Amino acid sequence: MTLTLTFTFDPVIDPVIDPVLAPALAEDFAVLWADVSNAGGAVGFVPPVAIEDVRAEVAKHLAAVAEGRSRLLVGRDAAGRVRATAVLAPNQHRLQKHWVWAYTVMVDPALQGRGAGRALMEAVADAARTMEGIEAIRLGCRGGLGLEHFYAACGYKEVGRVPGAIRVGPGDDRDDITMLLPLG
């Protein structure tokens, strides 16, 4: 089932939650992920990143979506190319079913600075609100890049920080920061 939501978003993007999973989507997702990583984005890789490096991770995300364990939000441009993504993962623990994790939140580097990131985060919140019983979104971000300030500007609050938990490279440890957005 594909649910189309209407969001205020960068005019070159058409966001959709639960898109049809197809090989072209997987390839666009991988290209975006490699591009964001190579531009210095903190999305699980350290540059240089080849598209082959991210394909296995894309496959894991899409398998979780196909199995109903996650939901995918994609923003496409007028040509249908994926230019933004976020994965929403509901909790399976019976005491934590009232919030979701947001993973692999990224915007094409060519769109950054144009409000697309903020609009993506609004779309993520709107998508989470369509999920029964969800009261909040949590996400993790890598310290040292100012991402926590961006997420704070989108309404998230820092609720946890583990110093040096992310090793980007030898001698380059970053904080693992947890952010929370109540949906009330």
Protein backbone atom coordinates (compact mmCIF):
# COMPACT_ATOMS: atom_id res chain seq x y z
CA MET A 1 0.00 0.00 0.00
CA THR A 2 1.37 3.42 -0.93
CA LEU A 3 0.22 6.38 1.14
CA THR A 4 0.89 9.80 -0.36
CA LEU A 5 1.11 12.61 2.15
CA THR A 6 1.12 16.30 1.35
CA PHE A 7 4.06 18.15 2.86
CA THR A 8 5.51 21.60 2.63
CA PHE A 9 8.80 20.68 0.98
CA ASP A 10 11.47 22.03 -1.32
CA PRO A 11 9.68 22.63 -4.62
CA VAL A 12 11.95 20.18 -6.47
CA ILE A 13 10.97 17.29 -4.21
CA ASP A 14 7.82 15.19 -4.08
CA PRO A 15 7.84 13.25 -0.77
CA VAL A 16 6.13 9.88 -0.42
CA ILE A 17 5.90 7.54 2.54
CA ASP A 18 5.87 3.82 1.71
CA PRO A 19 6.87 4.11 -1.98
CA VAL A 20 6.67 1.15 -4.32
CA LEU A 21 9.88 -0.82 -3.82
CA ALA A 22 11.59 -1.28 -7.18
CA PRO A 23 15.14 -1.77 -8.46
CA ALA A 24 15.29 1.87 -9.61
CA LEU A 25 14.43 3.03 -6.08
CA ALA A 26 17.21 0.87 -4.63
CA GLU A 27 19.74 2.25 -7.11
CA ASP A 28 18.71 5.88 -6.53
CA PHE A 29 18.84 5.32 -2.75
CA ALA A 30 22.38 3.90 -3.08
CA VAL A 31 23.54 6.75 -5.33
CA LEU A 32 22.14 9.33 -2.90
CA TRP A 33 23.75 7.61 0.09
CA ALA A 34 27.16 7.50 -1.62
CA ASP A 35 26.85 11.15 -2.72
CA VAL A 36 25.87 12.32 0.78
CA SER A 37 28.66 10.28 2.36
CA ASN A 38 31.27 11.61 -0.07
CA ALA A 39 30.12 15.17 0.63
CA GLY A 40 30.92 14.60 4.32
CA GLY A 41 27.45 13.62 5.49
CA ALA A 42 27.28 11.62 8.71
CA VAL A 43 25.17 8.72 7.47
CA GLY A 44 27.18 5.69 8.55
CA PHE A 45 30.15 5.87 6.20
CA VAL A 46 33.37 7.85 5.94
CA PRO A 47 34.53 9.08 2.53
CA PRO A 48 35.61 7.93 0.08
CA VAL A 49 32.56 5.75 -0.47
CA ALA A 50 31.79 3.76 -3.62
CA ILE A 51 28.22 2.91 -4.49
CA GLU A 52 29.06 -0.76 -3.95
CA ASP A 53 29.84 0.11 -0.32
CA VAL A 54 26.27 1.20 0.37
CA ARG A 55 24.23 -1.27 -1.71
CA ALA A 56 24.19 -3.91 1.05
CA GLU A 57 22.89 -1.35 3.57
CA VAL A 58 20.23 -0.17 1.13
CA ALA A 59 19.16 -3.79 0.65
CA LYS A 60 18.83 -4.21 4.44
CA HIS A 61 16.66 -1.10 4.73
CA LEU A 62 14.44 -2.12 1.81
CA ALA A 63 14.07 -5.67 3.18
CA ALA A 64 12.91 -4.22 6.52
CA VAL A 65 10.42 -2.01 4.67
CA ALA A 66 9.14 -4.95 2.59
CA GLU A 67 8.71 -7.02 5.78
CA GLY A 68 6.84 -4.19 7.53
CA ARG A 69 9.58 -3.62 10.14
CA SER A 70 10.32 -0.10 8.86
CA ARG A 71 8.75 2.61 6.74
CA LEU A 72 10.57 4.58 4.07
CA LEU A 73 10.08 8.23 3.23
CA VAL A 74 11.58 9.37 -0.06
CA GLY A 75 11.66 12.76 -1.68
CA ARG A 76 11.91 12.69 -5.46
CA ASP A 77 12.67 15.43 -7.96
CA ALA A 78 10.53 16.14 -11.03
CA ALA A 79 12.42 13.44 -12.96
CA GLY A 80 11.59 10.87 -10.27
CA ARG A 81 15.13 10.64 -8.87
CA VAL A 82 15.42 10.10 -5.10
CA ARG A 83 16.86 13.27 -3.55
CA ALA A 84 16.01 12.76 0.15
CA THR A 85 15.32 9.81 2.44
CA ALA A 86 14.44 8.85 5.99
CA VAL A 87 13.63 5.45 7.46
CA LEU A 88 11.19 5.17 10.37
CA ALA A 89 11.63 2.07 12.51
CA PRO A 90 8.95 1.24 15.07
CA ASN A 91 10.09 -0.33 18.32
CA GLN A 92 9.36 -3.97 18.96
CA HIS A 93 9.82 -3.78 22.73
CA ARG A 94 6.42 -3.72 24.45
CA LEU A 95 7.44 -0.79 26.71
CA GLN A 96 8.73 1.38 23.84
CA LYS A 97 6.07 1.07 21.17
CA HIS A 98 5.05 4.72 21.59
CA TRP A 99 8.07 6.13 19.71
CA VAL A 100 9.98 5.41 16.49
CA TRP A 101 13.60 5.73 15.41
CA ALA A 102 14.46 7.86 12.37
CA TYR A 103 17.45 6.46 10.45
CA THR A 104 19.32 7.28 7.28
CA VAL A 105 18.02 10.83 7.20
CA MET A 106 19.69 12.55 4.26
CA VAL A 107 19.23 15.18 1.59
CA ASP A 108 21.10 15.44 -1.69
CA PRO A 109 24.07 17.80 -1.12
CA ALA A 110 22.92 19.90 -4.10
CA LEU A 111 19.71 20.73 -2.19
CA GLN A 112 21.29 21.55 1.15
CA GLY A 113 20.96 25.13 2.31
CA ARG A 114 17.63 25.50 0.47
CA GLY A 115 15.33 24.37 3.29
CA ALA A 116 15.05 20.79 2.05
CA GLY A 117 16.50 19.34 5.27
CA ARG A 118 14.05 21.18 7.48
CA ALA A 119 11.20 20.23 5.17
CA LEU A 120 12.36 16.59 5.24
CA MET A 121 12.22 16.66 9.03
CA GLU A 122 8.68 18.09 8.88
CA ALA A 123 7.73 15.28 6.51
CA VAL A 124 9.27 12.72 8.88
CA ALA A 125 7.18 14.10 11.76
CA ASP A 126 4.04 14.13 9.63
CA ALA A 127 4.67 10.53 8.55
CA ALA A 128 5.24 9.43 12.16
CA ARG A 129 1.95 11.05 13.14
CA THR A 130 0.17 8.70 10.74
CA MET A 131 1.50 5.71 12.70
CA GLU A 132 -0.93 4.54 15.34
CA GLY A 133 0.15 5.21 18.94
CA ILE A 134 3.39 7.04 18.06
CA GLU A 135 4.10 9.95 20.39
CA ALA A 136 7.75 10.76 19.61
CA ILE A 137 10.67 10.31 17.21
CA ARG A 138 14.22 9.53 18.30
CA LEU A 139 17.29 9.81 16.14
CA GLY A 140 21.00 9.57 16.62
CA CYS A 141 23.54 11.93 15.13
CA ARG A 142 27.30 12.19 14.99
CA GLY A 143 28.90 14.94 17.05
CA GLY A 144 31.44 17.37 15.68
CA LEU A 145 29.35 18.51 12.70
CA GLY A 146 26.73 20.69 14.37
CA LEU A 147 23.93 18.31 13.44
CA GLU A 148 22.44 18.56 16.90
CA HIS A 149 21.93 22.29 16.29
CA PHE A 150 20.11 21.58 13.02
CA TYR A 151 17.84 19.02 14.69
CA ALA A 152 17.23 21.39 17.62
CA ALA A 153 16.10 24.04 15.12
CA CYS A 154 13.61 21.42 13.86
CA GLY A 155 12.19 20.98 17.37
CA TYR A 156 14.27 18.04 18.60
CA LYS A 157 15.83 18.06 22.05
CA GLU A 158 19.11 16.43 22.98
CA VAL A 159 18.30 13.64 25.45
CA GLY A 160 21.56 11.73 25.52
CA ARG A 161 25.21 11.87 24.56
CA VAL A 162 27.89 9.19 24.68
CA PRO A 163 31.30 10.86 24.37
CA GLY A 164 33.62 9.33 21.81
CA ALA A 165 31.25 6.49 20.89
CA ILE A 166 31.69 6.92 17.13
CA ARG A 167 35.17 6.26 15.75
CA VAL A 168 35.38 8.03 12.40
CA GLY A 169 39.08 7.24 12.08
CA PRO A 170 42.22 6.78 14.17
CA GLY A 171 42.28 9.58 16.73
CA ASP A 172 38.93 10.95 15.52
CA ASP A 173 36.25 9.89 17.98
CA ARG A 174 32.89 11.69 17.96
CA ASP A 175 30.00 11.84 20.38
CA ASP A 176 26.90 9.77 19.67
CA ILE A 177 24.02 12.17 20.30
CA THR A 178 20.41 11.10 20.79
CA MET A 179 17.70 13.60 19.88
CA LEU A 180 13.96 13.40 20.62
CA LEU A 181 10.96 15.09 19.05
CA PRO A 182 7.69 14.76 21.01
CA LEU A 183 4.80 14.74 18.53
CA GLY A 184 2.21 16.17 20.93
